Amino acid sequence: MDKRLKNIRISFPEGWSDISSQNPDGPPTFIHGRLEEPGVLQISIAQYVSGKKPNPDFTDLISLSEKIGLKNNFGQITHKVADNCKYGKYGKVEFAGSAFPYIAVWHLSNGKDFIFATFICSKIPVESEKNDVESILLSIRPKRFIF
């Protein structure tokens, strides 16, 4: 797995591949390699360094995801959801537009660090692929170091 994700544990269902080397200047990137036209899942981490702890709530995480989609003209918002996850909390906003019929923007936070993920599809994804992405992102948890 991409070394930039070394501080988290993440589980991928069978068939998913790390294709980050194909875009070395981009974020860690994954696809379902068994699909003819898979969507692209990209995951980035922003770690808290100092200052006031962000401690975002569900509304904040949804708002962050909305702003990314609207700023980048991802299309119309079709669905929003926020809930608890293994990492802490998450907010997800789904978009549909003319360039990409399906884009999901996720923000996860443990109260101080953030994980930002996008799942961008050039065609409407099959339900199992969307479910895989949700499974992948909701599997994320911090690594625990034992000394």
N, C-alpha and C. Protein backbone atom coordinates (compact mmCIF):
# COMPACT_ATOMS: atom_id res chain seq x y z
N MET A 1 0.84 -1.18 0.00
CA MET A 1 0.00 0.00 0.00
C MET A 1 0.89 1.25 0.00
N ASP A 2 0.36 2.30 -0.54
CA ASP A 2 1.06 3.58 -0.64
C ASP A 2 1.56 4.01 0.75
N LYS A 3 2.84 4.39 0.82
CA LYS A 3 3.44 4.74 2.11
C LYS A 3 2.81 5.97 2.77
N ARG A 4 2.10 6.79 2.00
CA ARG A 4 1.44 7.97 2.58
C ARG A 4 0.26 7.59 3.47
N LEU A 5 -0.15 6.34 3.38
CA LEU A 5 -1.25 5.85 4.22
C LEU A 5 -0.75 4.97 5.35
N LYS A 6 0.52 5.12 5.70
CA LYS A 6 1.16 4.23 6.67
C LYS A 6 0.60 4.33 8.10
N ASN A 7 -0.06 5.43 8.43
CA ASN A 7 -0.56 5.60 9.80
C ASN A 7 -1.99 5.11 10.00
N ILE A 8 -2.55 4.50 8.96
CA ILE A 8 -3.91 3.96 9.09
C ILE A 8 -3.94 2.51 8.64
N ARG A 9 -4.93 1.81 9.11
CA ARG A 9 -5.23 0.46 8.63
C ARG A 9 -6.44 0.61 7.72
N ILE A 10 -6.38 -0.07 6.60
CA ILE A 10 -7.46 0.02 5.63
C ILE A 10 -7.61 -1.34 4.96
N SER A 11 -8.83 -1.79 4.78
CA SER A 11 -9.09 -3.10 4.19
C SER A 11 -9.74 -2.93 2.82
N PHE A 12 -9.20 -3.66 1.85
CA PHE A 12 -9.73 -3.63 0.50
C PHE A 12 -10.34 -4.98 0.16
N PRO A 13 -11.53 -4.99 -0.43
CA PRO A 13 -12.12 -6.24 -0.89
C PRO A 13 -11.28 -6.83 -2.03
N GLU A 14 -11.48 -8.08 -2.30
CA GLU A 14 -10.76 -8.75 -3.38
C GLU A 14 -11.01 -8.02 -4.71
N GLY A 15 -9.96 -7.90 -5.49
CA GLY A 15 -10.08 -7.28 -6.81
C GLY A 15 -9.63 -5.84 -6.87
N TRP A 16 -9.44 -5.19 -5.73
CA TRP A 16 -9.02 -3.79 -5.73
C TRP A 16 -7.50 -3.70 -5.84
N SER A 17 -7.03 -2.72 -6.61
CA SER A 17 -5.60 -2.55 -6.87
C SER A 17 -5.15 -1.13 -6.56
N ASP A 18 -3.93 -1.03 -6.06
CA ASP A 18 -3.28 0.25 -5.83
C ASP A 18 -2.61 0.65 -7.14
N ILE A 19 -3.08 1.74 -7.75
CA ILE A 19 -2.50 2.21 -9.01
C ILE A 19 -1.81 3.57 -8.83
N SER A 20 -1.40 3.88 -7.61
CA SER A 20 -0.79 5.16 -7.30
C SER A 20 0.44 5.43 -8.15
N SER A 21 1.18 4.40 -8.52
CA SER A 21 2.41 4.59 -9.31
C SER A 21 2.11 5.15 -10.70
N GLN A 22 0.88 5.00 -11.18
CA GLN A 22 0.52 5.54 -12.49
C GLN A 22 0.33 7.05 -12.46
N ASN A 23 0.21 7.61 -11.26
CA ASN A 23 0.04 9.05 -11.09
C ASN A 23 0.88 9.47 -9.87
N PRO A 24 2.23 9.46 -10.03
CA PRO A 24 3.10 9.67 -8.86
C PRO A 24 2.94 11.02 -8.17
N ASP A 25 2.42 12.02 -8.86
CA ASP A 25 2.22 13.32 -8.23
C ASP A 25 0.84 13.47 -7.59
N GLY A 26 0.00 12.45 -7.75
CA GLY A 26 -1.34 12.50 -7.20
C GLY A 26 -1.44 11.76 -5.88
N PRO A 27 -2.62 11.77 -5.29
CA PRO A 27 -2.82 11.06 -4.02
C PRO A 27 -2.86 9.55 -4.22
N PRO A 28 -2.78 8.77 -3.16
CA PRO A 28 -2.94 7.32 -3.27
C PRO A 28 -4.24 7.01 -4.01
N THR A 29 -4.13 6.14 -5.02
CA THR A 29 -5.23 5.91 -5.95
C THR A 29 -5.49 4.41 -6.10
N PHE A 30 -6.78 4.04 -6.12
CA PHE A 30 -7.18 2.64 -6.16
C PHE A 30 -8.34 2.45 -7.13
N ILE A 31 -8.38 1.28 -7.77
CA ILE A 31 -9.50 0.92 -8.64
C ILE A 31 -9.86 -0.55 -8.40
N HIS A 32 -11.07 -0.89 -8.81
CA HIS A 32 -11.48 -2.29 -8.82
C HIS A 32 -11.00 -2.85 -10.16
N GLY A 33 -9.92 -3.58 -10.13
CA GLY A 33 -9.25 -4.05 -11.34
C GLY A 33 -10.01 -5.06 -12.16
N ARG A 34 -11.06 -5.61 -11.63
CA ARG A 34 -11.82 -6.62 -12.37
C ARG A 34 -12.98 -6.03 -13.16
N LEU A 35 -13.20 -4.72 -13.02
CA LEU A 35 -14.29 -4.08 -13.75
C LEU A 35 -13.75 -3.45 -15.03
N GLU A 36 -14.59 -3.42 -16.07
CA GLU A 36 -14.17 -2.89 -17.36
C GLU A 36 -13.91 -1.39 -17.30
N GLU A 37 -14.79 -0.63 -16.66
CA GLU A 37 -14.63 0.82 -16.51
C GLU A 37 -14.80 1.20 -15.04
N PRO A 38 -13.79 0.91 -14.23
CA PRO A 38 -13.95 1.18 -12.80
C PRO A 38 -13.87 2.67 -12.48
N GLY A 39 -14.50 3.03 -11.37
CA GLY A 39 -14.31 4.37 -10.84
C GLY A 39 -12.94 4.44 -10.18
N VAL A 40 -12.53 5.66 -9.86
CA VAL A 40 -11.21 5.90 -9.27
C VAL A 40 -11.40 6.41 -7.84
N LEU A 41 -10.82 5.71 -6.88
CA LEU A 41 -10.86 6.09 -5.47
C LEU A 41 -9.51 6.69 -5.09
N GLN A 42 -9.54 7.93 -4.60
CA GLN A 42 -8.31 8.58 -4.13
C GLN A 42 -8.49 8.97 -2.67
N ILE A 43 -7.44 8.73 -1.89
CA ILE A 43 -7.49 8.94 -0.45
C ILE A 43 -6.29 9.78 -0.01
N SER A 44 -6.55 10.84 0.74
CA SER A 44 -5.48 11.70 1.28
C SER A 44 -5.68 11.88 2.77
N ILE A 45 -4.58 12.16 3.46
CA ILE A 45 -4.62 12.37 4.91
C ILE A 45 -4.03 13.73 5.24
N ALA A 46 -4.69 14.44 6.15
CA ALA A 46 -4.17 15.69 6.69
C ALA A 46 -4.07 15.49 8.20
N GLN A 47 -2.84 15.53 8.72
CA GLN A 47 -2.63 15.28 10.14
C GLN A 47 -2.55 16.59 10.92
N TYR A 48 -3.18 16.57 12.07
CA TYR A 48 -3.16 17.71 12.98
C TYR A 48 -1.73 17.91 13.48
N VAL A 49 -1.28 19.15 13.46
CA VAL A 49 0.08 19.46 13.91
C VAL A 49 0.06 20.31 15.18
N SER A 50 -0.69 21.40 15.16
CA SER A 50 -0.74 22.25 16.34
C SER A 50 -1.93 23.19 16.24
N GLY A 51 -2.12 23.97 17.30
CA GLY A 51 -3.22 24.92 17.34
C GLY A 51 -4.46 24.30 17.94
N LYS A 52 -5.56 25.00 17.74
CA LYS A 52 -6.83 24.53 18.27
C LYS A 52 -7.24 23.25 17.55
N LYS A 53 -7.64 22.25 18.31
CA LYS A 53 -8.10 20.99 17.73
C LYS A 53 -9.38 21.25 16.94
N PRO A 54 -9.44 20.78 15.69
CA PRO A 54 -10.62 21.06 14.85
C PRO A 54 -11.92 20.49 15.39
N ASN A 55 -11.91 19.23 15.85
CA ASN A 55 -13.07 18.55 16.41
C ASN A 55 -14.36 18.80 15.61
N PRO A 56 -14.37 18.44 14.31
CA PRO A 56 -15.55 18.70 13.49
C PRO A 56 -16.73 17.81 13.89
N ASP A 57 -17.93 18.36 13.69
CA ASP A 57 -19.14 17.55 13.90
C ASP A 57 -19.63 17.06 12.53
N PHE A 58 -20.74 16.34 12.52
CA PHE A 58 -21.26 15.78 11.27
C PHE A 58 -21.54 16.88 10.24
N THR A 59 -22.12 17.99 10.69
CA THR A 59 -22.43 19.10 9.79
C THR A 59 -21.17 19.66 9.15
N ASP A 60 -20.10 19.78 9.93
CA ASP A 60 -18.83 20.28 9.39
C ASP A 60 -18.30 19.36 8.29
N LEU A 61 -18.36 18.05 8.52
CA LEU A 61 -17.83 17.09 7.55
C LEU A 61 -18.65 17.10 6.26
N ILE A 62 -19.97 17.19 6.38
CA ILE A 62 -20.84 17.32 5.20
C ILE A 62 -20.51 18.61 4.46
N SER A 63 -20.37 19.69 5.20
CA SER A 63 -20.08 20.99 4.60
C SER A 63 -18.75 20.97 3.83
N LEU A 64 -17.73 20.36 4.41
CA LEU A 64 -16.44 20.25 3.71
C LEU A 64 -16.59 19.50 2.39
N SER A 65 -17.34 18.40 2.41
CA SER A 65 -17.54 17.61 1.20
C SER A 65 -18.36 18.38 0.16
N GLU A 66 -19.39 19.07 0.61
CA GLU A 66 -20.21 19.89 -0.30
C GLU A 66 -19.37 20.96 -0.98
N LYS A 67 -18.57 21.67 -0.18
CA LYS A 67 -17.76 22.76 -0.73
C LYS A 67 -16.80 22.27 -1.80
N ILE A 68 -16.18 21.12 -1.57
CA ILE A 68 -15.26 20.56 -2.58
C ILE A 68 -16.01 20.30 -3.88
N GLY A 69 -17.16 19.66 -3.78
CA GLY A 69 -17.94 19.33 -4.97
C GLY A 69 -18.45 20.54 -5.71
N LEU A 70 -18.94 21.53 -4.98
CA LEU A 70 -19.46 22.73 -5.62
C LEU A 70 -18.34 23.56 -6.23
N LYS A 71 -17.23 23.67 -5.52
CA LYS A 71 -16.07 24.43 -6.02
C LYS A 71 -15.54 23.83 -7.32
N ASN A 72 -15.58 22.52 -7.43
CA ASN A 72 -15.04 21.82 -8.61
C ASN A 72 -16.11 21.48 -9.65
N ASN A 73 -17.30 22.02 -9.47
CA ASN A 73 -18.39 21.82 -10.44
C ASN A 73 -18.67 20.34 -10.69
N PHE A 74 -18.79 19.57 -9.62
CA PHE A 74 -19.06 18.14 -9.74
C PHE A 74 -20.51 17.86 -10.15
N GLY A 75 -21.37 18.86 -10.12
CA GLY A 75 -22.76 18.67 -10.53
C GLY A 75 -23.71 18.90 -9.38
N GLN A 76 -24.90 18.31 -9.51
CA GLN A 76 -25.95 18.46 -8.51
C GLN A 76 -25.72 17.48 -7.36
N ILE A 77 -26.02 17.94 -6.17
CA ILE A 77 -25.97 17.06 -5.00
C ILE A 77 -27.15 16.10 -5.08
N THR A 78 -26.86 14.80 -4.97
CA THR A 78 -27.92 13.80 -5.04
C THR A 78 -28.17 13.10 -3.71
N HIS A 79 -27.18 13.15 -2.82
CA HIS A 79 -27.34 12.45 -1.54
C HIS A 79 -26.29 12.96 -0.56
N LYS A 80 -26.67 13.04 0.72
CA LYS A 80 -25.76 13.41 1.80
C LYS A 80 -25.98 12.44 2.95
N VAL A 81 -24.89 12.07 3.61
CA VAL A 81 -25.01 11.21 4.79
C VAL A 81 -23.81 11.46 5.71
N ALA A 82 -24.05 11.34 6.99
CA ALA A 82 -22.98 11.45 7.99
C ALA A 82 -23.27 10.45 9.10
N ASP A 83 -22.19 9.90 9.66
CA ASP A 83 -22.38 8.91 10.71
C ASP A 83 -21.05 8.67 11.41
N ASN A 84 -21.07 7.77 12.37
CA ASN A 84 -19.85 7.34 13.04
C ASN A 84 -19.18 6.24 12.22
N CYS A 85 -17.88 6.11 12.39
CA CYS A 85 -17.12 5.06 11.71
C CYS A 85 -15.94 4.67 12.59
N LYS A 86 -15.16 3.70 12.16
CA LYS A 86 -14.02 3.23 12.96
C LYS A 86 -12.98 4.31 13.17
N TYR A 87 -12.87 5.25 12.23
CA TYR A 87 -11.91 6.34 12.36
C TYR A 87 -12.42 7.43 13.30
N GLY A 88 -13.72 7.55 13.41
CA GLY A 88 -14.35 8.57 14.24
C GLY A 88 -15.71 8.92 13.68
N LYS A 89 -15.73 9.92 12.76
CA LYS A 89 -16.96 10.36 12.11
C LYS A 89 -16.67 10.55 10.63
N TYR A 90 -17.75 10.54 9.84
CA TYR A 90 -17.58 10.85 8.44
C TYR A 90 -18.78 11.61 7.91
N GLY A 91 -18.54 12.33 6.82
CA GLY A 91 -19.59 12.97 6.04
C GLY A 91 -19.34 12.63 4.58
N LYS A 92 -20.39 12.29 3.86
CA LYS A 92 -20.27 11.96 2.43
C LYS A 92 -21.33 12.70 1.67
N VAL A 93 -20.93 13.28 0.52
CA VAL A 93 -21.87 13.94 -0.37
C VAL A 93 -21.67 13.34 -1.75
N GLU A 94 -22.78 12.95 -2.39
CA GLU A 94 -22.73 12.39 -3.74
C GLU A 94 -23.23 13.43 -4.73
N PHE A 95 -22.59 13.45 -5.91
CA PHE A 95 -22.91 14.40 -6.96
C PHE A 95 -23.16 13.67 -8.27
N ALA A 96 -23.96 14.31 -9.14
CA ALA A 96 -24.16 13.82 -10.51
C ALA A 96 -24.02 15.02 -11.43
N GLY A 97 -23.17 14.87 -12.45
CA GLY A 97 -22.96 15.96 -13.38
C GLY A 97 -22.79 15.46 -14.79
N SER A 98 -22.63 16.39 -15.71
CA SER A 98 -22.51 16.01 -17.12
C SER A 98 -21.15 15.38 -17.43
N ALA A 99 -20.10 15.85 -16.80
CA ALA A 99 -18.76 15.28 -17.05
C ALA A 99 -18.59 13.92 -16.39
N PHE A 100 -19.10 13.81 -15.17
CA PHE A 100 -19.02 12.57 -14.41
C PHE A 100 -20.39 12.30 -13.80
N PRO A 101 -21.03 11.19 -14.18
CA PRO A 101 -22.38 10.93 -13.67
C PRO A 101 -22.44 10.55 -12.19
N TYR A 102 -21.27 10.22 -11.59
CA TYR A 102 -21.26 9.89 -10.17
C TYR A 102 -19.91 10.27 -9.57
N ILE A 103 -19.98 11.10 -8.53
CA ILE A 103 -18.81 11.43 -7.73
C ILE A 103 -19.25 11.45 -6.27
N ALA A 104 -18.49 10.77 -5.42
CA ALA A 104 -18.73 10.82 -3.98
C ALA A 104 -17.52 11.47 -3.32
N VAL A 105 -17.78 12.43 -2.46
CA VAL A 105 -16.73 13.13 -1.72
C VAL A 105 -16.92 12.81 -0.25
N TRP A 106 -15.87 12.30 0.38
CA TRP A 106 -15.90 11.89 1.78
C TRP A 106 -14.91 12.71 2.60
N HIS A 107 -15.29 13.02 3.82
CA HIS A 107 -14.37 13.55 4.83
C HIS A 107 -14.57 12.73 6.09
N LEU A 108 -13.50 12.15 6.58
CA LEU A 108 -13.51 11.42 7.85
C LEU A 108 -12.63 12.18 8.83
N SER A 109 -12.96 12.12 10.10
CA SER A 109 -12.12 12.77 11.10
C SER A 109 -12.18 12.03 12.42
N ASN A 110 -11.04 12.02 13.11
CA ASN A 110 -10.97 11.45 14.46
C ASN A 110 -10.99 12.57 15.50
N GLY A 111 -11.36 13.76 15.07
CA GLY A 111 -11.41 14.91 15.97
C GLY A 111 -10.25 15.86 15.77
N LYS A 112 -9.14 15.33 15.24
CA LYS A 112 -8.00 16.20 14.95
C LYS A 112 -7.45 15.98 13.54
N ASP A 113 -7.32 14.74 13.10
CA ASP A 113 -6.82 14.45 11.76
C ASP A 113 -8.00 14.27 10.80
N PHE A 114 -7.72 14.45 9.51
CA PHE A 114 -8.76 14.30 8.49
C PHE A 114 -8.30 13.33 7.41
N ILE A 115 -9.25 12.60 6.88
CA ILE A 115 -9.05 11.79 5.69
C ILE A 115 -10.03 12.32 4.66
N PHE A 116 -9.51 12.63 3.49
CA PHE A 116 -10.32 13.14 2.38
C PHE A 116 -10.27 12.10 1.28
N ALA A 117 -11.44 11.74 0.76
CA ALA A 117 -11.50 10.74 -0.30
C ALA A 117 -12.50 11.16 -1.37
N THR A 118 -12.15 10.84 -2.61
CA THR A 118 -13.09 11.03 -3.71
C THR A 118 -13.20 9.71 -4.47
N PHE A 119 -14.40 9.44 -4.94
CA PHE A 119 -14.66 8.29 -5.81
C PHE A 119 -15.32 8.86 -7.05
N ILE A 120 -14.58 8.87 -8.15
CA ILE A 120 -15.01 9.53 -9.38
C ILE A 120 -15.23 8.48 -10.46
N CYS A 121 -16.41 8.54 -11.08
CA CYS A 121 -16.79 7.53 -12.08
C CYS A 121 -17.18 8.19 -13.40
N SER A 122 -16.66 7.65 -14.49
CA SER A 122 -17.01 8.16 -15.82
C SER A 122 -18.32 7.55 -16.32
N LYS A 123 -18.84 6.58 -15.60
CA LYS A 123 -20.18 6.04 -15.87
C LYS A 123 -20.81 5.73 -14.51
N ILE A 124 -22.10 5.53 -14.50
CA ILE A 124 -22.78 5.22 -13.23
C ILE A 124 -22.24 3.87 -12.74
N PRO A 125 -21.69 3.84 -11.52
CA PRO A 125 -21.08 2.59 -11.03
C PRO A 125 -22.13 1.56 -10.65
N VAL A 126 -21.72 0.30 -10.74
CA VAL A 126 -22.60 -0.77 -10.25
C VAL A 126 -22.68 -0.64 -8.73
N GLU A 127 -23.78 -1.08 -8.18
CA GLU A 127 -24.01 -0.94 -6.74
C GLU A 127 -22.91 -1.62 -5.92
N SER A 128 -22.42 -2.76 -6.41
CA SER A 128 -21.38 -3.47 -5.65
C SER A 128 -20.09 -2.65 -5.56
N GLU A 129 -19.78 -1.87 -6.59
CA GLU A 129 -18.58 -1.03 -6.55
C GLU A 129 -18.76 0.09 -5.53
N LYS A 130 -19.93 0.72 -5.52
CA LYS A 130 -20.21 1.75 -4.51
C LYS A 130 -20.15 1.16 -3.11
N ASN A 131 -20.70 -0.05 -2.95
CA ASN A 131 -20.65 -0.71 -1.64
C ASN A 131 -19.22 -1.01 -1.23
N ASP A 132 -18.38 -1.43 -2.19
CA ASP A 132 -16.97 -1.67 -1.89
C ASP A 132 -16.29 -0.41 -1.39
N VAL A 133 -16.53 0.72 -2.06
CA VAL A 133 -15.91 1.98 -1.66
C VAL A 133 -16.34 2.33 -0.24
N GLU A 134 -17.61 2.18 0.04
CA GLU A 134 -18.08 2.46 1.40
C GLU A 134 -17.40 1.53 2.41
N SER A 135 -17.30 0.27 2.06
CA SER A 135 -16.64 -0.71 2.93
C SER A 135 -15.17 -0.33 3.17
N ILE A 136 -14.49 0.07 2.10
CA ILE A 136 -13.08 0.46 2.21
C ILE A 136 -12.94 1.66 3.14
N LEU A 137 -13.71 2.70 2.89
CA LEU A 137 -13.55 3.92 3.67
C LEU A 137 -14.01 3.75 5.12
N LEU A 138 -15.05 2.96 5.33
CA LEU A 138 -15.50 2.74 6.70
C LEU A 138 -14.62 1.75 7.45
N SER A 139 -13.72 1.07 6.73
CA SER A 139 -12.78 0.16 7.40
C SER A 139 -11.58 0.90 7.97
N ILE A 140 -11.37 2.14 7.55
CA ILE A 140 -10.19 2.90 7.97
C ILE A 140 -10.21 3.11 9.48
N ARG A 141 -9.06 2.82 10.08
CA ARG A 141 -8.89 3.06 11.51
C ARG A 141 -7.42 3.40 11.74
N PRO A 142 -7.14 4.11 12.81
CA PRO A 142 -5.73 4.45 13.09
C PRO A 142 -4.94 3.20 13.44
N LYS A 143 -3.67 3.21 13.08
CA LYS A 143 -2.79 2.13 13.52
C LYS A 143 -2.47 2.34 14.98
N ARG A 144 -2.44 1.29 15.70
CA ARG A 144 -2.07 1.35 17.12
C ARG A 144 -0.68 0.80 17.25
N PHE A 145 0.17 1.57 17.86
CA PHE A 145 1.56 1.11 18.04
C PHE A 145 1.71 0.60 19.47
N ILE A 146 2.27 -0.59 19.59
CA ILE A 146 2.49 -1.18 20.91
C ILE A 146 4.00 -1.20 21.16
N PHE A 147 4.38 -0.63 22.29
CA PHE A 147 5.81 -0.55 22.62
C PHE A 147 6.16 -1.52 23.71
